[in-house]
């Protein structure tokens, strides 16, 4: 599998909006959603969508009156790439060190730890 290019935060915001939409979106719909959060204008969204389109992150259906944008890259695939990059950069490629760091982080509740324990048991076959 080809490595997926890392996105700047602004482009990631657009991708998250598209990933969490149940249908393709127009630039206007994306602008409306993101202007509430970031105050972005239509021109900003158009520039970011063009960049994403040129790099193959989104497709654009231009068959109708309005252009409809859809993600080409799956969120899960992008997330895996980011996790791999983080593990390489901060934990020397060691999943064990990354998990240990996350377990020692502030903010994990007892419920979080319990859910993690259940996941690990499933992964290891209950050992």
N, C-alpha and C. Protein backbone atom coordinates (compact mmCIF):
# COMPACT_ATOMS: atom_id res chain seq x y z
N UNK A 1 0.84 -1.19 0.00
CA UNK A 1 0.00 0.00 0.00
C UNK A 1 0.88 1.25 0.00
N UNK A 2 0.57 2.17 -0.86
CA UNK A 2 1.31 3.42 -0.97
C UNK A 2 1.05 4.27 0.27
N UNK A 3 2.12 4.90 0.78
CA UNK A 3 1.97 5.78 1.94
C UNK A 3 1.08 6.96 1.58
N UNK A 4 0.21 7.33 2.50
CA UNK A 4 -0.70 8.45 2.28
C UNK A 4 -0.04 9.71 2.83
N UNK A 5 -0.02 10.73 2.01
CA UNK A 5 0.56 12.01 2.35
C UNK A 5 -0.15 12.60 3.58
N UNK A 6 0.63 13.21 4.46
CA UNK A 6 0.08 13.86 5.65
C UNK A 6 -0.57 15.18 5.26
N UNK A 7 -1.73 15.45 5.81
CA UNK A 7 -2.48 16.67 5.49
C UNK A 7 -2.22 17.78 6.50
N UNK A 8 -2.16 19.02 6.01
CA UNK A 8 -2.16 20.16 6.95
C UNK A 8 -3.51 20.19 7.68
N UNK A 9 -3.53 20.82 8.83
CA UNK A 9 -4.74 20.85 9.66
C UNK A 9 -5.97 21.36 8.91
N UNK A 10 -5.80 22.41 8.12
CA UNK A 10 -6.96 22.98 7.42
C UNK A 10 -7.55 21.99 6.42
N UNK A 11 -6.71 21.27 5.70
CA UNK A 11 -7.21 20.28 4.74
C UNK A 11 -7.80 19.08 5.46
N UNK A 12 -7.22 18.74 6.59
CA UNK A 12 -7.77 17.64 7.39
C UNK A 12 -9.18 17.99 7.87
N UNK A 13 -9.41 19.25 8.22
CA UNK A 13 -10.76 19.68 8.64
C UNK A 13 -11.78 19.43 7.54
N UNK A 14 -11.40 19.70 6.31
CA UNK A 14 -12.32 19.45 5.19
C UNK A 14 -12.55 17.96 5.02
N UNK A 15 -11.48 17.18 5.12
CA UNK A 15 -11.62 15.73 4.98
C UNK A 15 -12.51 15.16 6.09
N UNK A 16 -12.34 15.63 7.30
CA UNK A 16 -13.18 15.15 8.41
C UNK A 16 -14.65 15.47 8.14
N UNK A 17 -14.89 16.65 7.61
CA UNK A 17 -16.26 17.04 7.27
C UNK A 17 -16.84 16.10 6.21
N UNK A 18 -16.06 15.79 5.20
CA UNK A 18 -16.53 14.88 4.15
C UNK A 18 -16.68 13.45 4.67
N UNK A 19 -15.72 12.99 5.47
CA UNK A 19 -15.79 11.63 6.02
C UNK A 19 -17.03 11.45 6.88
N UNK A 20 -17.43 12.48 7.59
CA UNK A 20 -18.56 12.35 8.51
C UNK A 20 -19.90 12.72 7.88
N UNK A 21 -19.88 13.02 6.61
CA UNK A 21 -21.11 13.29 5.89
C UNK A 21 -21.65 11.99 5.29
N UNK A 22 -22.94 11.86 5.23
CA UNK A 22 -23.55 10.66 4.67
C UNK A 22 -23.67 10.73 3.15
N UNK A 23 -23.35 11.90 2.58
CA UNK A 23 -23.49 12.07 1.13
C UNK A 23 -22.43 13.05 0.65
N UNK A 24 -22.19 13.06 -0.67
CA UNK A 24 -21.27 14.07 -1.21
C UNK A 24 -21.76 15.47 -0.83
N UNK A 25 -20.81 16.41 -0.75
CA UNK A 25 -21.15 17.76 -0.31
C UNK A 25 -20.68 18.79 -1.34
N UNK A 26 -21.42 19.89 -1.42
CA UNK A 26 -20.99 21.02 -2.24
C UNK A 26 -20.00 21.86 -1.43
N UNK A 27 -19.27 22.70 -2.12
CA UNK A 27 -18.36 23.62 -1.43
C UNK A 27 -19.15 24.52 -0.47
N UNK A 28 -20.36 24.90 -0.87
CA UNK A 28 -21.19 25.74 -0.01
C UNK A 28 -21.58 25.05 1.28
N UNK A 29 -21.92 23.77 1.19
CA UNK A 29 -22.27 23.01 2.39
C UNK A 29 -21.07 22.87 3.32
N UNK A 30 -19.91 22.62 2.74
CA UNK A 30 -18.69 22.50 3.53
C UNK A 30 -18.37 23.85 4.19
N UNK A 31 -18.51 24.92 3.42
CA UNK A 31 -18.25 26.26 3.95
C UNK A 31 -19.17 26.57 5.12
N UNK A 32 -20.45 26.26 4.95
CA UNK A 32 -21.42 26.53 6.02
C UNK A 32 -21.02 25.81 7.31
N UNK A 33 -20.66 24.55 7.17
CA UNK A 33 -20.28 23.76 8.35
C UNK A 33 -19.01 24.30 9.00
N UNK A 34 -18.00 24.62 8.18
CA UNK A 34 -16.73 25.05 8.74
C UNK A 34 -16.70 26.52 9.13
N UNK A 35 -17.57 27.33 8.55
CA UNK A 35 -17.60 28.74 8.94
C UNK A 35 -18.12 28.87 10.36
N UNK A 36 -18.97 27.95 10.78
CA UNK A 36 -19.48 27.96 12.16
C UNK A 36 -18.36 27.70 13.16
N UNK A 37 -17.39 26.90 12.76
CA UNK A 37 -16.29 26.51 13.65
C UNK A 37 -15.10 27.46 13.50
N UNK A 38 -14.71 27.73 12.26
CA UNK A 38 -13.47 28.46 11.99
C UNK A 38 -13.67 29.85 11.39
N UNK A 39 -14.88 30.16 10.98
CA UNK A 39 -15.12 31.44 10.33
C UNK A 39 -14.59 31.48 8.90
N UNK A 40 -14.40 30.31 8.29
CA UNK A 40 -13.88 30.26 6.92
C UNK A 40 -14.89 30.79 5.92
N UNK A 41 -14.36 31.38 4.86
CA UNK A 41 -15.17 31.91 3.76
C UNK A 41 -15.13 30.92 2.59
N UNK A 42 -16.01 31.10 1.64
CA UNK A 42 -16.12 30.22 0.48
C UNK A 42 -14.80 30.12 -0.27
N UNK A 43 -14.12 31.23 -0.46
CA UNK A 43 -12.84 31.22 -1.19
C UNK A 43 -11.81 30.31 -0.55
N UNK A 44 -11.74 30.34 0.77
CA UNK A 44 -10.80 29.48 1.50
C UNK A 44 -11.12 28.02 1.25
N UNK A 45 -12.39 27.67 1.35
CA UNK A 45 -12.81 26.28 1.15
C UNK A 45 -12.53 25.84 -0.29
N UNK A 46 -12.78 26.70 -1.25
CA UNK A 46 -12.50 26.36 -2.66
C UNK A 46 -11.02 26.07 -2.88
N UNK A 47 -10.16 26.89 -2.31
CA UNK A 47 -8.71 26.68 -2.45
C UNK A 47 -8.30 25.34 -1.84
N UNK A 48 -8.81 25.06 -0.65
CA UNK A 48 -8.45 23.81 0.03
C UNK A 48 -9.00 22.59 -0.72
N UNK A 49 -10.22 22.70 -1.23
CA UNK A 49 -10.79 21.59 -2.00
C UNK A 49 -9.99 21.35 -3.28
N UNK A 50 -9.55 22.41 -3.91
CA UNK A 50 -8.73 22.27 -5.14
C UNK A 50 -7.44 21.54 -4.83
N UNK A 51 -6.81 21.89 -3.73
CA UNK A 51 -5.57 21.20 -3.34
C UNK A 51 -5.84 19.72 -3.08
N UNK A 52 -6.91 19.44 -2.36
CA UNK A 52 -7.24 18.04 -2.06
C UNK A 52 -7.57 17.27 -3.33
N UNK A 53 -8.25 17.90 -4.25
CA UNK A 53 -8.60 17.28 -5.53
C UNK A 53 -7.33 16.97 -6.34
N UNK A 54 -6.44 17.94 -6.43
CA UNK A 54 -5.20 17.78 -7.20
C UNK A 54 -4.33 16.65 -6.65
N UNK A 55 -4.38 16.43 -5.34
CA UNK A 55 -3.55 15.39 -4.72
C UNK A 55 -4.29 14.07 -4.57
N UNK A 56 -5.53 13.99 -5.07
CA UNK A 56 -6.26 12.72 -5.08
C UNK A 56 -6.95 12.34 -3.79
N UNK A 57 -7.18 13.30 -2.91
CA UNK A 57 -7.89 13.01 -1.67
C UNK A 57 -9.40 13.07 -1.85
N UNK A 58 -9.86 13.90 -2.77
CA UNK A 58 -11.30 14.02 -3.02
C UNK A 58 -11.58 13.88 -4.51
N UNK A 59 -12.79 13.45 -4.80
CA UNK A 59 -13.27 13.46 -6.19
C UNK A 59 -14.30 14.57 -6.29
N UNK A 60 -14.56 14.99 -7.52
CA UNK A 60 -15.53 16.05 -7.76
C UNK A 60 -16.44 15.65 -8.91
N UNK A 61 -17.72 15.51 -8.60
CA UNK A 61 -18.72 15.21 -9.63
C UNK A 61 -19.20 16.54 -10.19
N UNK A 62 -18.83 16.81 -11.44
CA UNK A 62 -19.16 18.08 -12.07
C UNK A 62 -20.31 17.93 -13.06
N UNK A 63 -21.06 16.82 -12.95
CA UNK A 63 -22.10 16.56 -13.94
C UNK A 63 -23.35 17.42 -13.74
N UNK A 64 -23.59 17.87 -12.53
CA UNK A 64 -24.77 18.70 -12.28
C UNK A 64 -24.42 20.16 -12.18
N UNK A 65 -25.40 20.94 -11.76
CA UNK A 65 -25.22 22.38 -11.62
C UNK A 65 -24.18 22.69 -10.54
N UNK A 66 -24.26 21.95 -9.43
CA UNK A 66 -23.32 22.16 -8.34
C UNK A 66 -22.30 21.02 -8.33
N UNK A 67 -21.07 21.35 -8.04
CA UNK A 67 -20.02 20.34 -7.94
C UNK A 67 -20.14 19.64 -6.59
N UNK A 68 -20.12 18.30 -6.64
CA UNK A 68 -20.24 17.51 -5.42
C UNK A 68 -18.90 16.85 -5.10
N UNK A 69 -18.43 17.06 -3.88
CA UNK A 69 -17.15 16.52 -3.45
C UNK A 69 -17.35 15.32 -2.55
N UNK A 70 -16.51 14.29 -2.78
CA UNK A 70 -16.54 13.06 -1.99
C UNK A 70 -15.10 12.67 -1.66
N UNK A 71 -14.91 12.03 -0.49
CA UNK A 71 -13.56 11.57 -0.17
C UNK A 71 -13.17 10.38 -1.05
N UNK A 72 -11.92 10.34 -1.46
CA UNK A 72 -11.38 9.20 -2.19
C UNK A 72 -10.62 8.30 -1.21
N UNK A 73 -9.91 8.94 -0.31
CA UNK A 73 -9.14 8.23 0.72
C UNK A 73 -10.08 7.95 1.90
N UNK A 74 -10.08 6.72 2.39
CA UNK A 74 -10.90 6.37 3.56
C UNK A 74 -10.28 6.95 4.83
N UNK A 75 -11.14 7.34 5.75
CA UNK A 75 -10.66 7.88 7.02
C UNK A 75 -9.80 6.84 7.75
N UNK A 76 -10.21 5.58 7.72
CA UNK A 76 -9.46 4.54 8.43
C UNK A 76 -8.05 4.38 7.84
N UNK A 77 -7.92 4.50 6.52
CA UNK A 77 -6.60 4.40 5.89
C UNK A 77 -5.72 5.59 6.27
N UNK A 78 -6.32 6.77 6.28
CA UNK A 78 -5.55 7.95 6.66
C UNK A 78 -5.11 7.84 8.12
N UNK A 79 -6.03 7.41 8.98
CA UNK A 79 -5.74 7.28 10.41
C UNK A 79 -4.59 6.29 10.64
N UNK A 80 -4.61 5.16 9.92
CA UNK A 80 -3.53 4.17 10.06
C UNK A 80 -2.18 4.79 9.71
N UNK A 81 -2.15 5.58 8.65
CA UNK A 81 -0.90 6.24 8.27
C UNK A 81 -0.41 7.20 9.33
N UNK A 82 -1.33 7.96 9.91
CA UNK A 82 -0.97 8.91 10.97
C UNK A 82 -0.47 8.16 12.22
N UNK A 83 -1.13 7.05 12.55
CA UNK A 83 -0.71 6.26 13.71
C UNK A 83 0.69 5.70 13.48
N UNK A 84 0.95 5.21 12.28
CA UNK A 84 2.27 4.67 11.95
C UNK A 84 3.33 5.76 12.05
N UNK A 85 3.04 6.93 11.50
CA UNK A 85 3.98 8.05 11.55
C UNK A 85 4.27 8.45 12.99
N UNK A 86 3.22 8.55 13.80
CA UNK A 86 3.40 8.92 15.20
C UNK A 86 4.25 7.88 15.93
N UNK A 87 3.97 6.60 15.67
CA UNK A 87 4.73 5.54 16.34
C UNK A 87 6.21 5.62 15.95
N UNK A 88 6.49 5.88 14.66
CA UNK A 88 7.87 5.99 14.20
C UNK A 88 8.56 7.22 14.81
N UNK A 89 7.89 8.35 14.77
CA UNK A 89 8.51 9.61 15.21
C UNK A 89 8.74 9.69 16.70
N UNK A 90 7.77 9.24 17.48
CA UNK A 90 7.84 9.46 18.92
C UNK A 90 8.21 8.23 19.73
N UNK A 91 8.07 7.04 19.15
CA UNK A 91 8.27 5.83 19.93
C UNK A 91 9.24 4.85 19.27
N UNK A 92 10.04 5.35 18.34
CA UNK A 92 11.05 4.51 17.70
C UNK A 92 10.49 3.29 17.00
N UNK A 93 9.24 3.38 16.56
CA UNK A 93 8.62 2.26 15.86
C UNK A 93 8.06 1.19 16.80
N UNK A 94 8.10 1.42 18.09
CA UNK A 94 7.65 0.42 19.07
C UNK A 94 6.20 0.66 19.47
N UNK A 95 5.35 -0.28 19.10
CA UNK A 95 3.94 -0.20 19.49
C UNK A 95 3.82 -0.32 21.01
N UNK A 96 4.66 -1.16 21.61
CA UNK A 96 4.63 -1.34 23.07
C UNK A 96 4.90 -0.02 23.78
N UNK A 97 5.91 0.73 23.32
CA UNK A 97 6.22 2.02 23.95
C UNK A 97 5.10 3.03 23.74
N UNK A 98 4.47 2.99 22.56
CA UNK A 98 3.37 3.91 22.30
C UNK A 98 2.18 3.60 23.22
N UNK A 99 1.84 2.34 23.34
CA UNK A 99 0.72 1.95 24.21
C UNK A 99 1.03 2.27 25.66
N UNK A 100 2.27 2.00 26.10
CA UNK A 100 2.66 2.31 27.48
C UNK A 100 2.51 3.80 27.76
N UNK A 101 2.92 4.63 26.79
CA UNK A 101 2.80 6.07 26.95
C UNK A 101 1.33 6.49 27.07
N UNK A 102 0.50 5.91 26.23
CA UNK A 102 -0.93 6.24 26.28
C UNK A 102 -1.56 5.79 27.59
N UNK A 103 -1.15 4.64 28.08
CA UNK A 103 -1.70 4.13 29.35
C UNK A 103 -1.29 4.99 30.53
N UNK A 104 -0.12 5.59 30.44
CA UNK A 104 0.38 6.44 31.53
C UNK A 104 -0.10 7.88 31.43
N UNK A 105 -0.79 8.20 30.36
CA UNK A 105 -1.25 9.58 30.14
C UNK A 105 -2.35 9.95 31.13
N UNK A 106 -2.35 11.21 31.49
CA UNK A 106 -3.44 11.72 32.32
C UNK A 106 -4.70 11.72 31.48
N UNK A 107 -5.83 11.58 32.12
CA UNK A 107 -7.09 11.70 31.40
C UNK A 107 -7.75 10.37 31.07
N UNK A 108 -7.06 9.25 31.31
CA UNK A 108 -7.71 7.96 31.08
C UNK A 108 -8.53 7.62 32.32
N UNK A 109 -9.81 7.41 32.12
CA UNK A 109 -10.69 7.05 33.23
C UNK A 109 -10.60 5.55 33.49
N UNK A 110 -11.16 5.13 34.59
CA UNK A 110 -11.22 3.69 34.89
C UNK A 110 -11.99 2.95 33.80
N UNK A 111 -13.04 3.58 33.26
CA UNK A 111 -13.81 2.97 32.17
C UNK A 111 -12.95 2.82 30.92
N UNK A 112 -12.14 3.85 30.62
CA UNK A 112 -11.23 3.76 29.47
C UNK A 112 -10.28 2.59 29.64
N UNK A 113 -9.69 2.47 30.82
CA UNK A 113 -8.73 1.39 31.08
C UNK A 113 -9.40 0.03 30.99
N UNK A 114 -10.63 -0.05 31.47
CA UNK A 114 -11.37 -1.31 31.40
C UNK A 114 -11.65 -1.70 29.94
N UNK A 115 -12.04 -0.72 29.13
CA UNK A 115 -12.29 -0.99 27.70
C UNK A 115 -11.01 -1.42 26.99
N UNK A 116 -9.90 -0.79 27.33
CA UNK A 116 -8.62 -1.17 26.74
C UNK A 116 -8.26 -2.60 27.12
N UNK A 117 -8.49 -2.95 28.38
CA UNK A 117 -8.20 -4.32 28.84
C UNK A 117 -9.04 -5.34 28.07
N UNK A 118 -10.30 -5.01 27.83
CA UNK A 118 -11.17 -5.92 27.06
C UNK A 118 -10.64 -6.06 25.62
N UNK A 119 -10.23 -4.95 25.01
CA UNK A 119 -9.68 -5.00 23.65
C UNK A 119 -8.44 -5.88 23.59
N UNK A 120 -7.55 -5.72 24.59
CA UNK A 120 -6.33 -6.52 24.60
C UNK A 120 -6.64 -8.01 24.79
N UNK A 121 -7.62 -8.32 25.62
CA UNK A 121 -8.01 -9.72 25.81
C UNK A 121 -8.55 -10.31 24.51
N UNK A 122 -9.36 -9.55 23.79
CA UNK A 122 -9.88 -10.03 22.50
C UNK A 122 -8.75 -10.25 21.52
N UNK A 123 -7.80 -9.32 21.49
CA UNK A 123 -6.68 -9.38 20.56
C UNK A 123 -5.79 -10.58 20.82
N UNK A 124 -5.63 -10.93 22.09
CA UNK A 124 -4.74 -12.03 22.47
C UNK A 124 -5.48 -13.34 22.69
N UNK A 125 -6.77 -13.35 22.42
CA UNK A 125 -7.55 -14.58 22.62
C UNK A 125 -7.85 -14.87 24.08
N UNK A 126 -7.89 -13.82 24.91
CA UNK A 126 -8.27 -13.97 26.31
C UNK A 126 -7.14 -14.39 27.22
N UNK A 127 -5.91 -14.36 26.75
CA UNK A 127 -4.77 -14.79 27.58
C UNK A 127 -4.42 -13.75 28.59
